[in-house]
Amino acid sequence: MNDKFLECGRLWQLGPDWQGQRCGAKTRAGPPCKNPAVTGKARCRMHGGKSTGAKTAEGRARLSALHLQHGRSTTAAKAEAKRRAQVGREIRAELRDIEREAIAGGVLAKDWREMFDPKPDK
């Protein structure tokens, strides 16, 4: 064998200076995987690069149910959180209107909040 052949092969070895795309999936130990990615994919053969994904509706539903860890991120839960936030905003707006009317009518003093939370003397 000649040296030119060996030098050409060194560029394609899977050492730390390899120029190809690495997998990058997070390993159990914490650092990213150092295996080469499957051609045309972002992950290696062990981290899902060979997978084509679920094809049927049943398979997608099973996968979706598998990844559901709790109910906080479901569409219904997000809609309920938005509804509660909107109700809270409406209540706070109504309280501000009542406060303005009470101050304008002379029922409340302008500095009525300081009675409950006085500022410390310097």
PDB file of N, CA and C in Angstrom:
ATOM      1  N   MET A   1       0.841  -1.189   0.000  1.00  0.00           N
ATOM      2  CA  MET A   1       0.000   0.000   0.000  1.00  0.00           C
ATOM      3  C   MET A   1       0.871   1.232   0.000  1.00  0.00           C
ATOM      4  N   ASN A   2       0.369   2.228  -0.643  1.00  0.00           N
ATOM      5  CA  ASN A   2       1.162   3.453  -0.653  1.00  0.00           C
ATOM      6  C   ASN A   2       0.635   4.434   0.393  1.00  0.00           C
ATOM      7  N   ASP A   3       1.431   5.440   0.685  1.00  0.00           N
ATOM      8  CA  ASP A   3       1.090   6.407   1.737  1.00  0.00           C
ATOM      9  C   ASP A   3      -0.096   7.295   1.344  1.00  0.00           C
ATOM     10  N   LYS A   4      -0.269   7.524   0.054  1.00  0.00           N
ATOM     11  CA  LYS A   4      -1.358   8.374  -0.399  1.00  0.00           C
ATOM     12  C   LYS A   4      -2.716   7.744  -0.048  1.00  0.00           C
ATOM     13  N   PHE A   5      -2.818   6.422  -0.199  1.00  0.00           N
ATOM     14  CA  PHE A   5      -4.041   5.717   0.127  1.00  0.00           C
ATOM     15  C   PHE A   5      -4.338   5.808   1.626  1.00  0.00           C
ATOM     16  N   LEU A   6      -3.343   5.620   2.460  1.00  0.00           N
ATOM     17  CA  LEU A   6      -3.524   5.690   3.915  1.00  0.00           C
ATOM     18  C   LEU A   6      -3.885   7.099   4.360  1.00  0.00           C
ATOM     19  N   GLU A   7      -3.262   8.107   3.763  1.00  0.00           N
ATOM     20  CA  GLU A   7      -3.550   9.502   4.122  1.00  0.00           C
ATOM     21  C   GLU A   7      -4.994   9.855   3.775  1.00  0.00           C
ATOM     22  N   CYS A   8      -5.465   9.376   2.642  1.00  0.00           N
ATOM     23  CA  CYS A   8      -6.847   9.637   2.228  1.00  0.00           C
ATOM     24  C   CYS A   8      -7.820   8.984   3.206  1.00  0.00           C
ATOM     25  N   GLY A   9      -7.507   7.803   3.689  1.00  0.00           N
ATOM     26  CA  GLY A   9      -8.386   7.095   4.620  1.00  0.00           C
ATOM     27  C   GLY A   9      -8.450   7.742   5.983  1.00  0.00           C
ATOM     28  N   ARG A  10      -7.421   8.448   6.372  1.00  0.00           N
ATOM     29  CA  ARG A  10      -7.401   9.082   7.698  1.00  0.00           C
ATOM     30  C   ARG A  10      -8.469  10.159   7.828  1.00  0.00           C
ATOM     31  N   LEU A  11      -8.826  10.811   6.728  1.00  0.00           N
ATOM     32  CA  LEU A  11      -9.847  11.855   6.788  1.00  0.00           C
ATOM     33  C   LEU A  11     -11.215  11.276   7.122  1.00  0.00           C
ATOM     34  N   TRP A  12     -11.407  10.001   6.841  1.00  0.00           N
ATOM     35  CA  TRP A  12     -12.728   9.408   7.030  1.00  0.00           C
ATOM     36  C   TRP A  12     -12.816   8.506   8.244  1.00  0.00           C
ATOM     37  N   GLN A  13     -11.792   8.417   9.033  1.00  0.00           N
ATOM     38  CA  GLN A  13     -11.874   7.645  10.263  1.00  0.00           C
ATOM     39  C   GLN A  13     -12.770   8.383  11.249  1.00  0.00           C
ATOM     40  N   LEU A  14     -13.341   7.666  12.169  1.00  0.00           N
ATOM     41  CA  LEU A  14     -14.293   8.263  13.096  1.00  0.00           C
ATOM     42  C   LEU A  14     -13.620   8.806  14.355  1.00  0.00           C
ATOM     43  N   GLY A  15     -12.480   9.399  14.210  1.00  0.00           N
ATOM     44  CA  GLY A  15     -11.786   9.985  15.348  1.00  0.00           C
ATOM     45  C   GLY A  15     -12.336  11.352  15.707  1.00  0.00           C
ATOM     46  N   PRO A  16     -11.705  12.045  16.649  1.00  0.00           N
ATOM     47  CA  PRO A  16     -12.209  13.345  17.095  1.00  0.00           C
ATOM     48  C   PRO A  16     -12.168  14.422  16.010  1.00  0.00           C
ATOM     49  N   ASP A  17     -11.325  14.244  14.995  1.00  0.00           N
ATOM     50  CA  ASP A  17     -11.228  15.242  13.939  1.00  0.00           C
ATOM     51  C   ASP A  17     -12.042  14.870  12.698  1.00  0.00           C
ATOM     52  N   TRP A  18     -12.904  13.869  12.810  1.00  0.00           N
ATOM     53  CA  TRP A  18     -13.707  13.434  11.672  1.00  0.00           C
ATOM     54  C   TRP A  18     -14.611  14.566  11.240  1.00  0.00           C
ATOM     55  N   GLN A  19     -14.740  14.786   9.928  1.00  0.00           N
ATOM     56  CA  GLN A  19     -15.439  15.949   9.404  1.00  0.00           C
ATOM     57  C   GLN A  19     -16.917  15.704   9.123  1.00  0.00           C
ATOM     58  N   GLY A  20     -17.382  14.480   9.283  1.00  0.00           N
ATOM     59  CA  GLY A  20     -18.781  14.177   8.999  1.00  0.00           C
ATOM     60  C   GLY A  20     -19.716  14.644  10.104  1.00  0.00           C
ATOM     61  N   GLN A  21     -21.004  14.399   9.929  1.00  0.00           N
ATOM     62  CA  GLN A  21     -22.004  14.827  10.903  1.00  0.00           C
ATOM     63  C   GLN A  21     -22.121  13.804  12.025  1.00  0.00           C
ATOM     64  N   ARG A  22     -22.063  14.278  13.249  1.00  0.00           N
ATOM     65  CA  ARG A  22     -22.217  13.421  14.422  1.00  0.00           C
ATOM     66  C   ARG A  22     -23.691  13.342  14.807  1.00  0.00           C
ATOM     67  N   CYS A  23     -24.013  12.352  15.617  1.00  0.00           N
ATOM     68  CA  CYS A  23     -25.394  12.129  16.031  1.00  0.00           C
ATOM     69  C   CYS A  23     -25.915  13.290  16.872  1.00  0.00           C
ATOM     70  N   GLY A  24     -25.290  13.598  17.959  1.00  0.00           N
ATOM     71  CA  GLY A  24     -25.698  14.730  18.782  1.00  0.00           C
ATOM     72  C   GLY A  24     -26.793  14.432  19.776  1.00  0.00           C
ATOM     73  N   ALA A  25     -27.371  13.220  19.774  1.00  0.00           N
ATOM     74  CA  ALA A  25     -28.391  12.892  20.771  1.00  0.00           C
ATOM     75  C   ALA A  25     -27.739  12.862  22.144  1.00  0.00           C
ATOM     76  N   LYS A  26     -28.471  13.265  23.149  1.00  0.00           N
ATOM     77  CA  LYS A  26     -27.932  13.292  24.512  1.00  0.00           C
ATOM     78  C   LYS A  26     -27.901  11.869  25.067  1.00  0.00           C
ATOM     79  N   THR A  27     -26.749  11.438  25.537  1.00  0.00           N
ATOM     80  CA  THR A  27     -26.623  10.100  26.086  1.00  0.00           C
ATOM     81  C   THR A  27     -27.058  10.094  27.547  1.00  0.00           C
ATOM     82  N   ARG A  28     -27.159   8.905  28.122  1.00  0.00           N
ATOM     83  CA  ARG A  28     -27.566   8.799  29.530  1.00  0.00           C
ATOM     84  C   ARG A  28     -26.538   9.445  30.451  1.00  0.00           C
ATOM     85  N   ALA A  29     -25.301   9.435  30.029  1.00  0.00           N
ATOM     86  CA  ALA A  29     -24.241  10.043  30.834  1.00  0.00           C
ATOM     87  C   ALA A  29     -24.268  11.566  30.760  1.00  0.00           C
ATOM     88  N   GLY A  30     -24.931  12.111  29.759  1.00  0.00           N
ATOM     89  CA  GLY A  30     -25.049  13.559  29.652  1.00  0.00           C
ATOM     90  C   GLY A  30     -24.464  14.180  28.401  1.00  0.00           C
ATOM     91  N   PRO A  31     -23.241  13.807  27.976  1.00  0.00           N
ATOM     92  CA  PRO A  31     -22.676  14.447  26.778  1.00  0.00           C
ATOM     93  C   PRO A  31     -23.357  13.946  25.510  1.00  0.00           C
ATOM     94  N   PRO A  32     -23.185  14.658  24.405  1.00  0.00           N
ATOM     95  CA  PRO A  32     -23.804  14.206  23.159  1.00  0.00           C
ATOM     96  C   PRO A  32     -23.155  12.935  22.618  1.00  0.00           C
ATOM     97  N   CYS A  33     -23.933  12.156  21.892  1.00  0.00           N
ATOM     98  CA  CYS A  33     -23.451  10.922  21.274  1.00  0.00           C
ATOM     99  C   CYS A  33     -22.408  11.275  20.219  1.00  0.00           C
ATOM    100  N   LYS A  34     -21.378  10.455  20.124  1.00  0.00           N
ATOM    101  CA  LYS A  34     -20.288  10.743  19.186  1.00  0.00           C
ATOM    102  C   LYS A  34     -20.326   9.860  17.947  1.00  0.00           C
ATOM    103  N   ASN A  35     -21.347   9.022  17.810  1.00  0.00           N
ATOM    104  CA  ASN A  35     -21.454   8.155  16.645  1.00  0.00           C
ATOM    105  C   ASN A  35     -21.808   8.965  15.407  1.00  0.00           C
ATOM    106  N   PRO A  36     -21.456   8.439  14.241  1.00  0.00           N
ATOM    107  CA  PRO A  36     -21.820   9.161  13.009  1.00  0.00           C
ATOM    108  C   PRO A  36     -23.320   9.071  12.760  1.00  0.00           C
ATOM    109  N   ALA A  37     -23.903  10.136  12.263  1.00  0.00           N
ATOM    110  CA  ALA A  37     -25.329  10.152  11.950  1.00  0.00           C
ATOM    111  C   ALA A  37     -25.583   9.332  10.698  1.00  0.00           C
ATOM    112  N   VAL A  38     -26.769   8.745  10.610  1.00  0.00           N
ATOM    113  CA  VAL A  38     -27.166   8.013   9.408  1.00  0.00           C
ATOM    114  C   VAL A  38     -27.257   9.019   8.269  1.00  0.00           C
ATOM    115  N   THR A  39     -26.866   8.614   7.082  1.00  0.00           N
ATOM    116  CA  THR A  39     -26.863   9.510   5.933  1.00  0.00           C
ATOM    117  C   THR A  39     -28.244  10.118   5.701  1.00  0.00           C
ATOM    118  N   GLY A  40     -28.308  11.421   5.670  1.00  0.00           N
ATOM    119  CA  GLY A  40     -29.569  12.123   5.440  1.00  0.00           C
ATOM    120  C   GLY A  40     -30.396  12.329   6.691  1.00  0.00           C
ATOM    121  N   LYS A  41     -29.914  11.888   7.847  1.00  0.00           N
ATOM    122  CA  LYS A  41     -30.644  12.026   9.106  1.00  0.00           C
ATOM    123  C   LYS A  41     -29.790  12.797  10.099  1.00  0.00           C
ATOM    124  N   ALA A  42     -30.374  13.130  11.238  1.00  0.00           N
ATOM    125  CA  ALA A  42     -29.641  13.876  12.263  1.00  0.00           C
ATOM    126  C   ALA A  42     -29.178  12.994  13.411  1.00  0.00           C
ATOM    127  N   ARG A  43     -29.597  11.706  13.430  1.00  0.00           N
ATOM    128  CA  ARG A  43     -29.259  10.807  14.530  1.00  0.00           C
ATOM    129  C   ARG A  43     -28.586   9.541  14.014  1.00  0.00           C
ATOM    130  N   CYS A  44     -27.885   8.860  14.917  1.00  0.00           N
ATOM    131  CA  CYS A  44     -27.211   7.609  14.554  1.00  0.00           C
ATOM    132  C   CYS A  44     -28.212   6.464  14.560  1.00  0.00           C
ATOM    133  N   ARG A  45     -27.752   5.278  14.198  1.00  0.00           N
ATOM    134  CA  ARG A  45     -28.640   4.122  14.109  1.00  0.00           C
ATOM    135  C   ARG A  45     -29.211   3.732  15.463  1.00  0.00           C
ATOM    136  N   MET A  46     -28.503   4.063  16.544  1.00  0.00           N
ATOM    137  CA  MET A  46     -28.979   3.684  17.872  1.00  0.00           C
ATOM    138  C   MET A  46     -29.932   4.711  18.483  1.00  0.00           C
ATOM    139  N   HIS A  47     -29.952   5.915  17.957  1.00  0.00           N
ATOM    140  CA  HIS A  47     -30.817   6.964  18.512  1.00  0.00           C
ATOM    141  C   HIS A  47     -31.950   7.358  17.570  1.00  0.00           C
ATOM    142  N   GLY A  48     -32.325   6.462  16.679  1.00  0.00           N
ATOM    143  CA  GLY A  48     -33.505   6.689  15.856  1.00  0.00           C
ATOM    144  C   GLY A  48     -33.242   7.104  14.431  1.00  0.00           C
ATOM    145  N   GLY A  49     -32.007   7.071  13.972  1.00  0.00           N
ATOM    146  CA  GLY A  49     -31.715   7.467  12.606  1.00  0.00           C
ATOM    147  C   GLY A  49     -32.281   6.519  11.572  1.00  0.00           C
ATOM    148  N   LYS A  50     -32.418   5.222  11.927  1.00  0.00           N
ATOM    149  CA  LYS A  50     -32.950   4.245  10.987  1.00  0.00           C
ATOM    150  C   LYS A  50     -34.473   4.193  11.032  1.00  0.00           C
ATOM    151  N   SER A  51     -35.073   4.824  12.038  1.00  0.00           N
ATOM    152  CA  SER A  51     -36.518   4.770  12.188  1.00  0.00           C
ATOM    153  C   SER A  51     -37.203   5.625  11.134  1.00  0.00           C
ATOM    154  N   THR A  52     -38.311   5.121  10.614  1.00  0.00           N
ATOM    155  CA  THR A  52     -39.095   5.888   9.652  1.00  0.00           C
ATOM    156  C   THR A  52     -40.299   6.534  10.330  1.00  0.00           C
ATOM    157  N   GLY A  53     -40.535   6.205  11.584  1.00  0.00           N
ATOM    158  CA  GLY A  53     -41.651   6.784  12.323  1.00  0.00           C
ATOM    159  C   GLY A  53     -42.934   6.003  12.115  1.00  0.00           C
ATOM    160  N   ALA A  54     -43.940   6.340  12.907  1.00  0.00           N
ATOM    161  CA  ALA A  54     -45.235   5.664  12.811  1.00  0.00           C
ATOM    162  C   ALA A  54     -45.922   6.068  11.517  1.00  0.00           C
ATOM    163  N   LYS A  55     -46.517   5.097  10.837  1.00  0.00           N
ATOM    164  CA  LYS A  55     -47.167   5.355   9.548  1.00  0.00           C
ATOM    165  C   LYS A  55     -48.696   5.403   9.660  1.00  0.00           C
ATOM    166  N   THR A  56     -49.264   4.561  10.512  1.00  0.00           N
ATOM    167  CA  THR A  56     -50.718   4.488  10.604  1.00  0.00           C
ATOM    168  C   THR A  56     -51.237   5.448  11.665  1.00  0.00           C
ATOM    169  N   ALA A  57     -52.532   5.736  11.608  1.00  0.00           N
ATOM    170  CA  ALA A  57     -53.156   6.610  12.609  1.00  0.00           C
ATOM    171  C   ALA A  57     -53.103   5.956  13.987  1.00  0.00           C
ATOM    172  N   GLU A  58     -53.270   4.627  14.030  1.00  0.00           N
ATOM    173  CA  GLU A  58     -53.200   3.915  15.303  1.00  0.00           C
ATOM    174  C   GLU A  58     -51.800   4.011  15.910  1.00  0.00           C
ATOM    175  N   GLY A  59     -50.789   3.865  15.067  1.00  0.00           N
ATOM    176  CA  GLY A  59     -49.416   3.969  15.546  1.00  0.00           C
ATOM    177  C   GLY A  59     -49.095   5.360  16.055  1.00  0.00           C
ATOM    178  N   ARG A  60     -49.568   6.387  15.368  1.00  0.00           N
ATOM    179  CA  ARG A  60     -49.341   7.762  15.824  1.00  0.00           C
ATOM    180  C   ARG A  60     -50.052   8.027  17.142  1.00  0.00           C
ATOM    181  N   ALA A  61     -51.254   7.468  17.294  1.00  0.00           N
ATOM    182  CA  ALA A  61     -52.003   7.640  18.540  1.00  0.00           C
ATOM    183  C   ALA A  61     -51.284   6.955  19.698  1.00  0.00           C
ATOM    184  N   ARG A  62     -50.750   5.749  19.458  1.00  0.00           N
ATOM    185  CA  ARG A  62     -49.997   5.054  20.503  1.00  0.00           C
ATOM    186  C   ARG A  62     -48.760   5.842  20.898  1.00  0.00           C
ATOM    187  N   LEU A  63     -48.079   6.410  19.919  1.00  0.00           N
ATOM    188  CA  LEU A  63     -46.883   7.202  20.187  1.00  0.00           C
ATOM    189  C   LEU A  63     -47.226   8.458  20.978  1.00  0.00           C
ATOM    190  N   SER A  64     -48.328   9.090  20.623  1.00  0.00           N
ATOM    191  CA  SER A  64     -48.761  10.291  21.331  1.00  0.00           C
ATOM    192  C   SER A  64     -49.103   9.973  22.781  1.00  0.00           C
ATOM    193  N   ALA A  65     -49.799   8.854  23.004  1.00  0.00           N
ATOM    194  CA  ALA A  65     -50.160   8.452  24.364  1.00  0.00           C
ATOM    195  C   ALA A  65     -48.918   8.068  25.158  1.00  0.00           C
ATOM    196  N   LEU A  66     -47.939   7.514  24.491  1.00  0.00           N
ATOM    197  CA  LEU A  66     -46.712   7.106  25.160  1.00  0.00           C
ATOM    198  C   LEU A  66     -45.935   8.308  25.684  1.00  0.00           C
ATOM    199  N   HIS A  67     -45.935   9.390  24.927  1.00  0.00           N
ATOM    200  CA  HIS A  67     -45.162  10.559  25.307  1.00  0.00           C
ATOM    201  C   HIS A  67     -45.897  11.478  26.278  1.00  0.00           C
ATOM    202  N   LEU A  68     -47.168  11.218  26.565  1.00  0.00           N
ATOM    203  CA  LEU A  68     -47.926  12.042  27.499  1.00  0.00           C
ATOM    204  C   LEU A  68     -47.517  11.661  28.921  1.00  0.00           C
ATOM    205  N   GLN A  69     -46.864  12.577  29.627  1.00  0.00           N
ATOM    206  CA  GLN A  69     -46.399  12.288  30.977  1.00  0.00           C
ATOM    207  C   GLN A  69     -47.385  12.788  32.022  1.00  0.00           C
ATOM    208  N   HIS A  70     -48.074  13.848  31.745  1.00  0.00           N
ATOM    209  CA  HIS A  70     -49.060  14.417  32.653  1.00  0.00           C
ATOM    210  C   HIS A  70     -50.047  15.211  31.815  1.00  0.00           C
ATOM    211  N   GLY A  71     -51.092  15.706  32.402  1.00  0.00           N
ATOM    212  CA  GLY A  71     -52.121  16.382  31.642  1.00  0.00           C
ATOM    213  C   GLY A  71     -51.960  17.876  31.518  1.00  0.00           C
ATOM    214  N   ARG A  72     -50.807  18.431  31.930  1.00  0.00           N
ATOM    215  CA  ARG A  72     -50.638  19.877  31.906  1.00  0.00           C
ATOM    216  C   ARG A  72     -50.504  20.443  30.504  1.00  0.00           C
ATOM    217  N   SER A  73     -50.030  19.657  29.569  1.00  0.00           N
ATOM    218  CA  SER A  73     -49.755  20.184  28.235  1.00  0.00           C
ATOM    219  C   SER A  73     -50.786  19.768  27.200  1.00  0.00           C
ATOM    220  N   THR A  74     -51.885  19.183  27.619  1.00  0.00           N
ATOM    221  CA  THR A  74     -52.900  18.798  26.647  1.00  0.00           C
ATOM    222  C   THR A  74     -53.616  20.041  26.133  1.00  0.00           C
ATOM    223  N   THR A  75     -54.259  19.898  25.001  1.00  0.00           N
ATOM    224  CA  THR A  75     -54.967  21.033  24.408  1.00  0.00           C
ATOM    225  C   THR A  75     -56.065  21.529  25.335  1.00  0.00           C
ATOM    226  N   ALA A  76     -56.773  20.604  25.964  1.00  0.00           N
ATOM    227  CA  ALA A  76     -57.854  20.996  26.875  1.00  0.00           C
ATOM    228  C   ALA A  76     -57.304  21.747  28.082  1.00  0.00           C
ATOM    229  N   ALA A  77     -56.176  21.287  28.624  1.00  0.00           N
ATOM    230  CA  ALA A  77     -55.587  21.948  29.785  1.00  0.00           C
ATOM    231  C   ALA A  77     -55.097  23.346  29.430  1.00  0.00           C
ATOM    232  N   LYS A  78     -54.515  23.501  28.247  1.00  0.00           N
ATOM    233  CA  LYS A  78     -54.054  24.823  27.822  1.00  0.00           C
ATOM    234  C   LYS A  78     -55.229  25.771  27.625  1.00  0.00           C
ATOM    235  N   ALA A  79     -56.325  25.268  27.040  1.00  0.00           N
ATOM    236  CA  ALA A  79     -57.515  26.102  26.844  1.00  0.00           C
ATOM    237  C   ALA A  79     -58.105  26.528  28.176  1.00  0.00           C
ATOM    238  N   GLU A  80     -58.125  25.615  29.143  1.00  0.00           N
ATOM    239  CA  GLU A  80     -58.648  25.948  30.477  1.00  0.00           C
ATOM    240  C   GLU A  80     -57.765  26.990  31.163  1.00  0.00           C
ATOM    241  N   ALA A  81     -56.452  26.874  31.017  1.00  0.00           N
ATOM    242  CA  ALA A  81     -55.540  27.860  31.610  1.00  0.00           C
ATOM    243  C   ALA A  81     -55.752  29.239  30.987  1.00  0.00           C
ATOM    244  N   LYS A  82     -55.962  29.282  29.678  1.00  0.00           N
ATOM    245  CA  LYS A  82     -56.224  30.565  29.010  1.00  0.00           C
ATOM    246  C   LYS A  82     -57.532  31.167  29.487  1.00  0.00           C
ATOM    247  N   ARG A  83     -58.555  30.312  29.669  1.00  0.00           N
ATOM    248  CA  ARG A  83     -59.844  30.801  30.149  1.00  0.00           C
ATOM    249  C   ARG A  83     -59.713  31.383  31.556  1.00  0.00           C
ATOM    250  N   ARG A  84     -59.005  30.677  32.432  1.00  0.00           N
ATOM    251  CA  ARG A  84     -58.801  31.168  33.802  1.00  0.00           C
ATOM    252  C   ARG A  84     -58.032  32.483  33.808  1.00  0.00           C
ATOM    253  N   ALA A  85     -57.027  32.597  32.970  1.00  0.00           N
ATOM    254  CA  ALA A  85     -56.255  33.842  32.901  1.00  0.00           C
ATOM    255  C   ALA A  85     -57.138  34.995  32.443  1.00  0.00           C
ATOM    256  N   GLN A  86     -58.010  34.734  31.474  1.00  0.00           N
ATOM    257  CA  GLN A  86     -58.913  35.773  30.985  1.00  0.00           C
ATOM    258  C   GLN A  86     -59.883  36.202  32.076  1.00  0.00           C
ATOM    259  N   VAL A  87     -60.427  35.253  32.838  1.00  0.00           N
ATOM    260  CA  VAL A  87     -61.328  35.582  33.944  1.00  0.00           C
ATOM    261  C   VAL A  87     -60.594  36.425  34.980  1.00  0.00           C
ATOM    262  N   GLY A  88     -59.357  36.061  35.283  1.00  0.00           N
ATOM    263  CA  GLY A  88     -58.564  36.845  36.236  1.00  0.00           C
ATOM    264  C   GLY A  88     -58.337  38.267  35.751  1.00  0.00           C
ATOM    265  N   ARG A  89     -58.043  38.425  34.461  1.00  0.00           N
ATOM    266  CA  ARG A  89     -57.852  39.772  33.912  1.00  0.00           C
ATOM    267  C   ARG A  89     -59.135  40.595  33.999  1.00  0.00           C
ATOM    268  N   GLU A  90     -60.268  39.954  33.731  1.00  0.00           N
ATOM    269  CA  GLU A  90     -61.542  40.667  33.817  1.00  0.00           C
ATOM    270  C   GLU A  90     -61.848  41.090  35.250  1.00  0.00           C
ATOM    271  N   ILE A  91     -61.574  40.228  36.211  1.00  0.00           N
ATOM    272  CA  ILE A  91     -61.812  40.559  37.628  1.00  0.00           C
ATOM    273  C   ILE A  91     -60.929  41.724  38.053  1.00  0.00           C
ATOM    274  N   ARG A  92     -59.640  41.668  37.686  1.00  0.00           N
ATOM    275  CA  ARG A  92     -58.730  42.759  38.064  1.00  0.00           C
ATOM    276  C   ARG A  92     -59.139  44.083  37.419  1.00  0.00           C
ATOM    277  N   ALA A  93     -59.607  44.037  36.169  1.00  0.00           N
ATOM    278  CA  ALA A  93     -60.061  45.252  35.496  1.00  0.00           C
ATOM    279  C   ALA A  93     -61.289  45.825  36.199  1.00  0.00           C
ATOM    280  N   GLU A  94     -62.200  44.966  36.614  1.00  0.00           N
ATOM    281  CA  GLU A  94     -63.393  45.424  37.318  1.00  0.00           C
ATOM    282  C   GLU A  94     -63.032  46.038  38.670  1.00  0.00           C
ATOM    283  N   LEU A  95     -62.071  45.428  39.368  1.00  0.00           N
ATOM    284  CA  LEU A  95     -61.624  45.990  40.650  1.00  0.00           C
ATOM    285  C   LEU A  95     -60.972  47.357  40.467  1.00  0.00           C
ATOM    286  N   ARG A  96     -60.209  47.529  39.385  1.00  0.00           N
ATOM    287  CA  ARG A  96     -59.604  48.839  39.119  1.00  0.00           C
ATOM    288  C   ARG A  96     -60.676  49.894  38.875  1.00  0.00           C
ATOM    289  N   ASP A  97     -61.723  49.520  38.132  1.00  0.00           N
ATOM    290  CA  ASP A  97     -62.825  50.455  37.878  1.00  0.00           C
ATOM    291  C   ASP A  97     -63.534  50.833  39.180  1.00  0.00           C
ATOM    292  N   ILE A  98     -63.780  49.843  40.038  1.00  0.00           N
ATOM    293  CA  ILE A  98     -64.430  50.114  41.325  1.00  0.00           C
ATOM    294  C   ILE A  98     -63.565  51.038  42.172  1.00  0.00           C
ATOM    295  N   GLU A  99     -62.241  50.783  42.168  1.00  0.00           N
ATOM    296  CA  GLU A  99     -61.326  51.622  42.947  1.00  0.00           C
ATOM    297  C   GLU A  99     -61.355  53.067  42.437  1.00  0.00           C
ATOM    298  N   ARG A 100     -61.313  53.239  41.119  1.00  0.00           N
ATOM    299  CA  ARG A 100     -61.357  54.598  40.550  1.00  0.00           C
ATOM    300  C   ARG A 100     -62.643  55.333  40.940  1.00  0.00           C
ATOM    301  N   GLU A 101     -63.775  54.625  40.856  1.00  0.00           N
ATOM    302  CA  GLU A 101     -65.053  55.234  41.210  1.00  0.00           C
ATOM    303  C   GLU A 101     -65.108  55.602  42.692  1.00  0.00           C
ATOM    304  N   ALA A 102     -64.543  54.719  43.542  1.00  0.00           N
ATOM    305  CA  ALA A 102     -64.555  54.987  44.988  1.00  0.00           C
ATOM    306  C   ALA A 102     -63.672  56.181  45.319  1.00  0.00           C
ATOM    307  N   ILE A 103     -62.530  56.311  44.656  1.00  0.00           N
ATOM    308  CA  ILE A 103     -61.640  57.458  44.899  1.00  0.00           C
ATOM    309  C   ILE A 103     -62.302  58.730  44.380  1.00  0.00           C
ATOM    310  N   ALA A 104     -62.921  58.655  43.194  1.00  0.00           N
ATOM    311  CA  ALA A 104     -63.583  59.832  42.620  1.00  0.00           C
ATOM    312  C   ALA A 104     -64.784  60.256  43.471  1.00  0.00           C
ATOM    313  N   GLY A 105     -65.490  59.306  44.090  1.00  0.00           N
ATOM    314  CA  GLY A 105     -66.647  59.620  44.918  1.00  0.00           C
ATOM    315  C   GLY A 105     -66.275  60.025  46.333  1.00  0.00           C
ATOM    316  N   GLY A 106     -65.015  59.946  46.698  1.00  0.00           N
ATOM    317  CA  GLY A 106     -64.573  60.337  48.028  1.00  0.00           C
ATOM    318  C   GLY A 106     -64.711  59.250  49.073  1.00  0.00           C
ATOM    319  N   VAL A 107     -65.063  58.044  48.684  1.00  0.00           N
ATOM    320  CA  VAL A 107     -65.201  56.938  49.634  1.00  0.00           C
ATOM    321  C   VAL A 107     -63.834  56.418  50.051  1.00  0.00           C
ATOM    322  N   LEU A 108     -62.891  56.419  49.125  1.00  0.00           N
ATOM    323  CA  LEU A 108     -61.525  55.956  49.394  1.00  0.00           C
ATOM    324  C   LEU A 108     -60.561  57.115  49.235  1.00  0.00           C
ATOM    325  N   ALA A 109     -59.527  57.121  50.069  1.00  0.00           N
ATOM    326  CA  ALA A 109     -58.466  58.112  49.916  1.00  0.00           C
ATOM    327  C   ALA A 109     -57.530  57.639  48.811  1.00  0.00           C
ATOM    328  N   LYS A 110     -56.813  58.571  48.188  1.00  0.00           N
ATOM    329  CA  LYS A 110     -55.899  58.205  47.102  1.00  0.00           C
ATOM    330  C   LYS A 110     -54.782  57.292  47.599  1.00  0.00           C
ATOM    331  N   ASP A 111     -54.357  57.489  48.816  1.00  0.00           N
ATOM    332  CA  ASP A 111     -53.248  56.697  49.352  1.00  0.00           C
ATOM    333  C   ASP A 111     -53.753  55.575  50.278  1.00  0.00           C
ATOM    334  N   TRP A 112     -54.891  55.002  49.972  1.00  0.00           N
ATOM    335  CA  TRP A 112     -55.479  53.993  50.841  1.00  0.00           C
ATOM    336  C   TRP A 112     -54.629  52.730  50.928  1.00  0.00           C
ATOM    337  N   ARG A 113     -53.845  52.443  49.912  1.00  0.00           N
ATOM    338  CA  ARG A 113     -53.010  51.235  49.935  1.00  0.00           C
ATOM    339  C   ARG A 113     -51.860  51.362  50.929  1.00  0.00           C
ATOM    340  N   GLU A 114     -51.392  52.561  51.158  1.00  0.00           N
ATOM    341  CA  GLU A 114     -50.270  52.762  52.081  1.00  0.00           C
ATOM    342  C   GLU A 114     -50.666  52.458  53.522  1.00  0.00           C
ATOM    343  N   MET A 115     -51.960  52.455  53.823  1.00  0.00           N
ATOM    344  CA  MET A 115     -52.417  52.093  55.166  1.00  0.00           C
ATOM    345  C   MET A 115     -52.093  50.627  55.445  1.00  0.00           C
ATOM    346  N   PHE A 116     -52.106  49.802  54.413  1.00  0.00           N
ATOM    347  CA  PHE A 116     -51.873  48.372  54.584  1.00  0.00           C
ATOM    348  C   PHE A 116     -50.419  47.985  54.325  1.00  0.00           C
ATOM    349  N   ASP A 117     -49.708  48.800  53.571  1.00  0.00           N
ATOM    350  CA  ASP A 117     -48.309  48.516  53.248  1.00  0.00           C
ATOM    351  C   ASP A 117     -47.520  49.804  53.366  1.00  0.00           C
ATOM    352  N   PRO A 118     -47.250  50.260  54.600  1.00  0.00           N
ATOM    353  CA  PRO A 118     -46.549  51.542  54.749  1.00  0.00           C
ATOM    354  C   PRO A 118     -45.104  51.428  54.272  1.00  0.00           C
ATOM    355  N   LYS A 119     -44.618  52.525  53.698  1.00  0.00           N
ATOM    356  CA  LYS A 119     -43.228  52.571  53.237  1.00  0.00           C
ATOM    357  C   LYS A 119     -42.347  52.826  54.462  1.00  0.00           C
ATOM    358  N   PRO A 120     -41.234  52.143  54.550  1.00  0.00           N
ATOM    359  CA  PRO A 120     -40.336  52.328  55.708  1.00  0.00           C
ATOM    360  C   PRO A 120     -39.688  53.714  55.673  1.00  0.00           C
ATOM    361  N   ASP A 121     -39.482  54.269  56.854  1.00  0.00           N
ATOM    362  CA  ASP A 121     -38.801  55.568  56.964  1.00  0.00           C
ATOM    363  C   ASP A 121     -37.316  55.374  56.741  1.00  0.00           C
ATOM    364  N   LYS A 122     -36.728  56.340  56.081  1.00  0.00           N
ATOM    365  CA  LYS A 122     -35.298  56.248  55.792  1.00  0.00           C
ATOM    366  C   LYS A 122     -34.515  57.043  56.790  1.00  0.00           C
TER     367      LYS A 122
END
